[in-house]
Amino acid sequence: MLVSALFTVLIPIMAELGAWGVMICRVVQGFTQGFFYPCTHNLLSRWIPLSERSRMGTFVYAGGPLGTVIALPLTGWISSSSIGWPSAFYIYGALGFAWTGLWLWLGSNSPSEHKTISDEERMYIEKSCQTSKNRVPTPWKEMAKSLPLWSILIAHCGQNWGFWTLMTEIPTYMSSVLHFQIASNGLLSAAPYFLLWILSFFFSYVTDLLINRKICSVATARKIVTNIGLIGPAISLIILGLIDSSNRGGVITLLIIAVGINSAIYCGYQVNHIDIAPNHAGTLMGITNGAANILSICAPLLVELVVT
């Protein structure tokens, strides 16, 4: 996070060197941010019991869309104000430095390393999470043959393809097709992610309810919400393609619904790595997230080929 924050601050400076300067900053940021999801999964596997996994996993990962909700309109406002667009990068970089300091001060790798946790809570978490305190060899061959892992990988790739297509193209669509100004464009582009953030808590509560009351198995619950989170947006986008762009209200409504329903994945495949292999959750997330992010790069490029 520290390196990512540093290169965020450097973007306006490097932009004076041209597009390559910005690209260098973004590549470094992408490299350093690649550690986030595996590290977060590792922490969740050590800290969050199964009975709370859907809700707490969602609470953590839904922070990303919440950041989008704040950053899109705020960046639009800053860019159109007298202080200018470079200030946005300085502000976000400063926030990154502040977060790093808070994490180094308050964070712990596991309950056993936390300085202020009670013995009762520590024992409860360690018993519930069932992760080994000792280093466990990574079973690479078993992973390669694991059908559940392949299923998560396919779901993750499909999710990233759609999510990052929308994330990168919604502002352009709002500006070029619907002809919104930059300030209102940022606000409207953020609206779908606000609904995503809100609905994520509903889906996570229902998922934990299904699991804790044994209405269905953990695997079945994950499959249900994953299908809702992936198929629901697909249907919305198909309908969106049939609506005339002059119907701006209908278009925006469908975009908001498509992104909002996608929130179900946070309590679906997104935390399923921890269910199937809690001792290797970070490694599994690194594998699926790495593959999925390759498609995140390809998806906007394909959109560019199609629309031009």
Foldseek 3Di string as FASTA:
>chain_A
DLLLLVLLLCQVVLCVVPPVSNVVSVVSNVVVCLLVLLLVLLQCLQFPFPLCSLQVLLVVVLVVLVCLLVLLLVLLVQCPDPVHNSVSSNVSSVVVVVVVVVCVVQPDSHLVGHDPDDPVSRVVSCVRSVADPDQDDDPVVVCVVDPLLVVLLVLLLLLLLVVLLLLVCQLVCCCVLVNDDSNVSSNLSSLLSVLQSVVLNVLSVVLSVCDVVVVDHNQVSLVVLSCQLRVFLVVLVVVLVVDDSVPVVSNSVSSSRSSNSNSSNSSHSSSVLSVVPSNCSSVSCSVSVVVSVVSSVVNNVVVVVVVD
